[in-house]
Amino acid sequence: MKKLLFIIAFAITGVTSAQTLSASSSEKEDNTKAATMMEKNPKIEKQIKEQLVKNEELGTMAIKHLKSDPEVKSMMGKLDTKNKGSVNGIMKSVMSDPKLASKVMDWVNTNPEVLDYAMNLIGM
């Protein structure tokens, strides 16, 4: 009887684990497709950059990420002061600085949730 319960428990665990793995690989494929689309179509990258400036939630997430990056933390502090905390103003300044813009786009491309959110904002 104990063996039967053990086998049933093991089978349930295996099925649950397999479902999790297949969902993860599906998400990775979707994110890879989105990143590939951005590389092939510069208009998509431009639209995402526009959304980083226009969409306050996406801009706030990007600012939070940049403030946590030791390389650009001091630059972000200066931009925050200069723009009086305005998300739109800070993101305009970020996107006009090649180093900061590159960091933000790298973050978008490597963060599946953010990439998915940005792609949804542009209707993809």
N, C-alpha and C. Protein backbone atom coordinates (compact mmCIF):
# COMPACT_ATOMS: atom_id res chain seq x y z
N MET A 1 0.83 -1.19 0.00
CA MET A 1 0.00 0.00 0.00
C MET A 1 0.88 1.26 0.00
N LYS A 2 1.96 1.23 0.80
CA LYS A 2 2.84 2.39 0.87
C LYS A 2 3.54 2.60 -0.47
N LYS A 3 3.89 1.48 -1.14
CA LYS A 3 4.53 1.59 -2.44
C LYS A 3 3.60 2.25 -3.45
N LEU A 4 2.31 1.89 -3.39
CA LEU A 4 1.33 2.44 -4.31
C LEU A 4 1.19 3.94 -4.10
N LEU A 5 1.10 4.37 -2.85
CA LEU A 5 1.01 5.80 -2.54
C LEU A 5 2.26 6.54 -3.01
N PHE A 6 3.41 5.93 -2.80
CA PHE A 6 4.67 6.54 -3.24
C PHE A 6 4.69 6.71 -4.75
N ILE A 7 4.26 5.69 -5.47
CA ILE A 7 4.24 5.73 -6.93
C ILE A 7 3.27 6.81 -7.42
N ILE A 8 2.10 6.90 -6.80
CA ILE A 8 1.12 7.92 -7.19
C ILE A 8 1.67 9.32 -6.93
N ALA A 9 2.27 9.52 -5.76
CA ALA A 9 2.85 10.83 -5.42
C ALA A 9 3.97 11.19 -6.40
N PHE A 10 4.80 10.21 -6.73
CA PHE A 10 5.90 10.44 -7.66
C PHE A 10 5.35 10.80 -9.05
N ALA A 11 4.30 10.12 -9.49
CA ALA A 11 3.70 10.38 -10.80
C ALA A 11 3.11 11.79 -10.86
N ILE A 12 2.44 12.20 -9.80
CA ILE A 12 1.84 13.54 -9.75
C ILE A 12 2.94 14.60 -9.82
N THR A 13 4.01 14.38 -9.08
CA THR A 13 5.13 15.32 -9.08
C THR A 13 5.75 15.41 -10.47
N GLY A 14 5.90 14.29 -11.13
CA GLY A 14 6.49 14.27 -12.47
C GLY A 14 5.63 15.01 -13.48
N VAL A 15 4.32 14.83 -13.41
CA VAL A 15 3.41 15.50 -14.34
C VAL A 15 3.44 17.01 -14.09
N THR A 16 3.41 17.42 -12.84
CA THR A 16 3.44 18.85 -12.51
C THR A 16 4.74 19.48 -12.97
N SER A 17 5.84 18.79 -12.77
CA SER A 17 7.14 19.29 -13.19
C SER A 17 7.21 19.42 -14.71
N ALA A 18 6.68 18.48 -15.41
CA ALA A 18 6.70 18.51 -16.88
C ALA A 18 5.89 19.69 -17.40
N GLN A 19 4.75 19.98 -16.75
CA GLN A 19 3.93 21.12 -17.17
C GLN A 19 4.69 22.42 -16.96
N THR A 20 5.39 22.55 -15.85
CA THR A 20 6.15 23.75 -15.56
C THR A 20 7.26 23.93 -16.58
N LEU A 21 7.97 22.87 -16.92
CA LEU A 21 9.05 22.95 -17.88
C LEU A 21 8.55 23.34 -19.26
N SER A 22 7.42 22.78 -19.69
CA SER A 22 6.92 23.11 -21.01
C SER A 22 6.44 24.55 -21.06
N ALA A 23 5.87 25.07 -19.99
CA ALA A 23 5.45 26.46 -19.95
C ALA A 23 6.67 27.38 -20.01
N SER A 24 7.71 27.02 -19.31
CA SER A 24 8.92 27.84 -19.30
C SER A 24 9.56 27.89 -20.68
N SER A 25 9.64 26.75 -21.36
CA SER A 25 10.26 26.75 -22.68
C SER A 25 9.40 27.52 -23.67
N SER A 26 8.09 27.48 -23.51
CA SER A 26 7.19 28.24 -24.38
C SER A 26 7.40 29.74 -24.17
N GLU A 27 7.55 30.17 -22.92
CA GLU A 27 7.81 31.58 -22.63
C GLU A 27 9.14 32.01 -23.24
N LYS A 28 10.14 31.15 -23.13
CA LYS A 28 11.46 31.49 -23.68
C LYS A 28 11.37 31.64 -25.19
N GLU A 29 10.61 30.77 -25.85
CA GLU A 29 10.45 30.86 -27.29
C GLU A 29 9.77 32.17 -27.68
N ASP A 30 8.71 32.55 -26.94
CA ASP A 30 8.00 33.78 -27.23
C ASP A 30 8.93 34.99 -27.06
N ASN A 31 9.73 34.99 -26.00
CA ASN A 31 10.63 36.10 -25.77
C ASN A 31 11.74 36.16 -26.80
N THR A 32 12.21 35.00 -27.24
CA THR A 32 13.22 34.96 -28.28
C THR A 32 12.64 35.51 -29.58
N LYS A 33 11.39 35.15 -29.87
CA LYS A 33 10.74 35.65 -31.07
C LYS A 33 10.61 37.17 -31.02
N ALA A 34 10.22 37.70 -29.85
CA ALA A 34 10.06 39.14 -29.71
C ALA A 34 11.40 39.85 -29.88
N ALA A 35 12.44 39.32 -29.27
CA ALA A 35 13.77 39.93 -29.40
C ALA A 35 14.24 39.87 -30.85
N THR A 36 13.97 38.77 -31.53
CA THR A 36 14.35 38.63 -32.93
C THR A 36 13.58 39.63 -33.80
N MET A 37 12.30 39.80 -33.49
CA MET A 37 11.49 40.77 -34.24
C MET A 37 12.07 42.16 -34.09
N MET A 38 12.51 42.51 -32.88
CA MET A 38 13.09 43.82 -32.65
C MET A 38 14.37 44.01 -33.45
N GLU A 39 15.19 42.97 -33.52
CA GLU A 39 16.44 43.06 -34.27
C GLU A 39 16.18 43.23 -35.77
N LYS A 40 15.18 42.54 -36.27
CA LYS A 40 14.90 42.57 -37.70
C LYS A 40 14.13 43.83 -38.12
N ASN A 41 13.36 44.38 -37.20
CA ASN A 41 12.53 45.53 -37.52
C ASN A 41 12.83 46.69 -36.58
N PRO A 42 13.65 47.64 -37.02
CA PRO A 42 14.02 48.77 -36.15
C PRO A 42 12.81 49.61 -35.72
N LYS A 43 11.71 49.54 -36.49
CA LYS A 43 10.51 50.30 -36.12
C LYS A 43 9.96 49.82 -34.78
N ILE A 44 10.07 48.52 -34.51
CA ILE A 44 9.57 47.98 -33.25
C ILE A 44 10.39 48.54 -32.10
N GLU A 45 11.71 48.56 -32.27
CA GLU A 45 12.57 49.11 -31.21
C GLU A 45 12.25 50.58 -30.98
N LYS A 46 12.01 51.32 -32.06
CA LYS A 46 11.66 52.74 -31.94
C LYS A 46 10.34 52.90 -31.19
N GLN A 47 9.36 52.05 -31.49
CA GLN A 47 8.07 52.12 -30.81
C GLN A 47 8.21 51.80 -29.32
N ILE A 48 9.07 50.84 -28.99
CA ILE A 48 9.29 50.51 -27.59
C ILE A 48 9.96 51.67 -26.88
N LYS A 49 10.92 52.31 -27.54
CA LYS A 49 11.58 53.48 -26.95
C LYS A 49 10.56 54.59 -26.70
N GLU A 50 9.64 54.78 -27.63
CA GLU A 50 8.59 55.79 -27.46
C GLU A 50 7.71 55.44 -26.26
N GLN A 51 7.38 54.16 -26.11
CA GLN A 51 6.55 53.73 -24.99
C GLN A 51 7.28 53.90 -23.65
N LEU A 52 8.59 53.72 -23.66
CA LEU A 52 9.36 53.94 -22.43
C LEU A 52 9.22 55.38 -21.95
N VAL A 53 9.06 56.31 -22.89
CA VAL A 53 8.88 57.71 -22.54
C VAL A 53 7.41 58.01 -22.22
N LYS A 54 6.50 57.51 -23.03
CA LYS A 54 5.08 57.85 -22.89
C LYS A 54 4.38 57.12 -21.75
N ASN A 55 4.66 55.83 -21.60
CA ASN A 55 3.95 55.02 -20.61
C ASN A 55 4.63 55.15 -19.24
N GLU A 56 3.91 55.74 -18.32
CA GLU A 56 4.49 56.03 -17.00
C GLU A 56 4.89 54.77 -16.25
N GLU A 57 4.09 53.73 -16.35
CA GLU A 57 4.41 52.48 -15.63
C GLU A 57 5.69 51.85 -16.18
N LEU A 58 5.81 51.77 -17.48
CA LEU A 58 7.00 51.20 -18.10
C LEU A 58 8.22 52.09 -17.81
N GLY A 59 8.03 53.39 -17.89
CA GLY A 59 9.11 54.33 -17.59
C GLY A 59 9.57 54.21 -16.14
N THR A 60 8.62 54.06 -15.23
CA THR A 60 8.97 53.92 -13.81
C THR A 60 9.77 52.65 -13.56
N MET A 61 9.38 51.56 -14.23
CA MET A 61 10.13 50.31 -14.08
C MET A 61 11.56 50.48 -14.61
N ALA A 62 11.70 51.18 -15.73
CA ALA A 62 13.03 51.39 -16.32
C ALA A 62 13.89 52.26 -15.40
N ILE A 63 13.29 53.31 -14.85
CA ILE A 63 14.03 54.20 -13.94
C ILE A 63 14.48 53.44 -12.71
N LYS A 64 13.60 52.64 -12.17
CA LYS A 64 13.95 51.83 -10.99
C LYS A 64 15.13 50.92 -11.31
N HIS A 65 15.08 50.30 -12.48
CA HIS A 65 16.19 49.42 -12.88
C HIS A 65 17.49 50.20 -12.99
N LEU A 66 17.44 51.34 -13.65
CA LEU A 66 18.66 52.13 -13.84
C LEU A 66 19.22 52.64 -12.51
N LYS A 67 18.35 53.00 -11.59
CA LYS A 67 18.81 53.48 -10.29
C LYS A 67 19.48 52.36 -9.49
N SER A 68 19.16 51.13 -9.80
CA SER A 68 19.77 50.00 -9.09
C SER A 68 21.10 49.58 -9.74
N ASP A 69 21.43 50.15 -10.88
CA ASP A 69 22.67 49.83 -11.59
C ASP A 69 23.78 50.76 -11.10
N PRO A 70 24.80 50.20 -10.43
CA PRO A 70 25.86 51.04 -9.87
C PRO A 70 26.59 51.91 -10.91
N GLU A 71 26.67 51.44 -12.15
CA GLU A 71 27.37 52.19 -13.20
C GLU A 71 26.70 53.52 -13.52
N VAL A 72 25.39 53.58 -13.42
CA VAL A 72 24.66 54.78 -13.85
C VAL A 72 23.83 55.42 -12.73
N LYS A 73 23.99 54.92 -11.52
CA LYS A 73 23.18 55.41 -10.40
C LYS A 73 23.35 56.92 -10.21
N SER A 74 24.58 57.42 -10.26
CA SER A 74 24.80 58.85 -10.03
C SER A 74 24.19 59.68 -11.17
N MET A 75 24.28 59.18 -12.40
CA MET A 75 23.67 59.88 -13.54
C MET A 75 22.16 59.97 -13.36
N MET A 76 21.57 58.89 -12.86
CA MET A 76 20.13 58.87 -12.67
C MET A 76 19.71 59.85 -11.57
N GLY A 77 20.53 59.96 -10.54
CA GLY A 77 20.24 60.93 -9.47
C GLY A 77 20.22 62.34 -10.02
N LYS A 78 21.17 62.66 -10.89
CA LYS A 78 21.24 63.99 -11.51
C LYS A 78 20.02 64.23 -12.41
N LEU A 79 19.65 63.22 -13.18
CA LEU A 79 18.48 63.36 -14.05
C LEU A 79 17.20 63.53 -13.24
N ASP A 80 17.11 62.82 -12.14
CA ASP A 80 15.95 62.92 -11.26
C ASP A 80 15.81 64.35 -10.73
N THR A 81 16.93 64.91 -10.28
CA THR A 81 16.93 66.28 -9.76
C THR A 81 16.61 67.27 -10.88
N LYS A 82 17.25 67.10 -12.01
CA LYS A 82 17.06 68.01 -13.15
C LYS A 82 15.60 68.02 -13.62
N ASN A 83 14.97 66.86 -13.64
CA ASN A 83 13.60 66.74 -14.15
C ASN A 83 12.55 66.77 -13.05
N LYS A 84 12.98 67.08 -11.82
CA LYS A 84 12.07 67.20 -10.67
C LYS A 84 11.19 65.98 -10.49
N GLY A 85 11.74 64.81 -10.75
CA GLY A 85 11.03 63.55 -10.52
C GLY A 85 10.03 63.18 -11.59
N SER A 86 9.93 63.94 -12.66
CA SER A 86 8.98 63.66 -13.73
C SER A 86 9.44 62.43 -14.51
N VAL A 87 8.63 61.38 -14.50
CA VAL A 87 8.97 60.15 -15.21
C VAL A 87 9.18 60.43 -16.69
N ASN A 88 8.28 61.20 -17.27
CA ASN A 88 8.38 61.53 -18.69
C ASN A 88 9.67 62.28 -18.98
N GLY A 89 10.00 63.27 -18.17
CA GLY A 89 11.21 64.06 -18.37
C GLY A 89 12.47 63.22 -18.19
N ILE A 90 12.48 62.39 -17.16
CA ILE A 90 13.64 61.53 -16.91
C ILE A 90 13.84 60.59 -18.08
N MET A 91 12.76 59.98 -18.55
CA MET A 91 12.89 59.01 -19.65
C MET A 91 13.29 59.69 -20.95
N LYS A 92 12.85 60.93 -21.19
CA LYS A 92 13.31 61.65 -22.37
C LYS A 92 14.83 61.85 -22.29
N SER A 93 15.30 62.22 -21.10
CA SER A 93 16.74 62.42 -20.92
C SER A 93 17.50 61.10 -21.07
N VAL A 94 16.93 60.03 -20.52
CA VAL A 94 17.56 58.71 -20.62
C VAL A 94 17.68 58.30 -22.08
N MET A 95 16.62 58.47 -22.83
CA MET A 95 16.62 58.02 -24.22
C MET A 95 17.50 58.90 -25.11
N SER A 96 17.81 60.12 -24.66
CA SER A 96 18.70 60.97 -25.47
C SER A 96 20.18 60.71 -25.15
N ASP A 97 20.44 59.95 -24.10
CA ASP A 97 21.82 59.59 -23.74
C ASP A 97 22.10 58.18 -24.28
N PRO A 98 23.05 58.03 -25.20
CA PRO A 98 23.28 56.72 -25.83
C PRO A 98 23.60 55.60 -24.82
N LYS A 99 24.39 55.90 -23.80
CA LYS A 99 24.76 54.88 -22.82
C LYS A 99 23.53 54.43 -22.03
N LEU A 100 22.73 55.38 -21.56
CA LEU A 100 21.54 55.03 -20.78
C LEU A 100 20.49 54.35 -21.65
N ALA A 101 20.31 54.84 -22.87
CA ALA A 101 19.34 54.22 -23.78
C ALA A 101 19.73 52.77 -24.06
N SER A 102 21.02 52.54 -24.26
CA SER A 102 21.49 51.18 -24.50
C SER A 102 21.24 50.28 -23.30
N LYS A 103 21.49 50.80 -22.10
CA LYS A 103 21.24 50.01 -20.88
C LYS A 103 19.76 49.67 -20.75
N VAL A 104 18.90 50.64 -21.04
CA VAL A 104 17.45 50.40 -20.93
C VAL A 104 17.01 49.36 -21.95
N MET A 105 17.46 49.47 -23.17
CA MET A 105 17.04 48.51 -24.20
C MET A 105 17.61 47.12 -23.93
N ASP A 106 18.81 47.04 -23.39
CA ASP A 106 19.36 45.74 -22.99
C ASP A 106 18.48 45.13 -21.90
N TRP A 107 18.06 45.96 -20.95
CA TRP A 107 17.20 45.49 -19.86
C TRP A 107 15.87 44.99 -20.41
N VAL A 108 15.28 45.74 -21.35
CA VAL A 108 14.00 45.32 -21.94
C VAL A 108 14.17 43.98 -22.66
N ASN A 109 15.24 43.86 -23.44
CA ASN A 109 15.46 42.65 -24.23
C ASN A 109 15.75 41.42 -23.38
N THR A 110 16.34 41.60 -22.21
CA THR A 110 16.70 40.45 -21.39
C THR A 110 15.69 40.16 -20.28
N ASN A 111 14.65 40.97 -20.17
CA ASN A 111 13.66 40.77 -19.13
C ASN A 111 12.34 40.37 -19.79
N PRO A 112 11.99 39.09 -19.74
CA PRO A 112 10.80 38.59 -20.47
C PRO A 112 9.50 39.31 -20.12
N GLU A 113 9.29 39.61 -18.85
CA GLU A 113 8.04 40.26 -18.45
C GLU A 113 7.96 41.67 -19.02
N VAL A 114 9.05 42.38 -18.96
CA VAL A 114 9.09 43.75 -19.47
C VAL A 114 8.94 43.75 -20.99
N LEU A 115 9.63 42.85 -21.64
CA LEU A 115 9.54 42.76 -23.10
C LEU A 115 8.11 42.45 -23.53
N ASP A 116 7.47 41.53 -22.85
CA ASP A 116 6.09 41.17 -23.16
C ASP A 116 5.17 42.38 -22.94
N TYR A 117 5.37 43.08 -21.83
CA TYR A 117 4.56 44.26 -21.53
C TYR A 117 4.74 45.33 -22.60
N ALA A 118 5.98 45.59 -22.98
CA ALA A 118 6.28 46.59 -24.01
C ALA A 118 5.68 46.19 -25.35
N MET A 119 5.79 44.93 -25.70
CA MET A 119 5.24 44.45 -26.98
C MET A 119 3.71 44.59 -26.99
N ASN A 120 3.08 44.34 -25.85
CA ASN A 120 1.62 44.51 -25.76
C ASN A 120 1.24 45.97 -25.93
N LEU A 121 2.05 46.87 -25.39
CA LEU A 121 1.76 48.30 -25.52
C LEU A 121 1.78 48.77 -26.97
N ILE A 122 2.63 48.15 -27.78
CA ILE A 122 2.71 48.56 -29.19
C ILE A 122 1.84 47.70 -30.09
N GLY A 123 1.06 46.83 -29.46
CA GLY A 123 0.09 46.03 -30.22
C GLY A 123 0.66 44.80 -30.90
N MET A 124 1.72 44.24 -30.33
CA MET A 124 2.34 43.05 -30.92
C MET A 124 2.08 41.85 -30.02
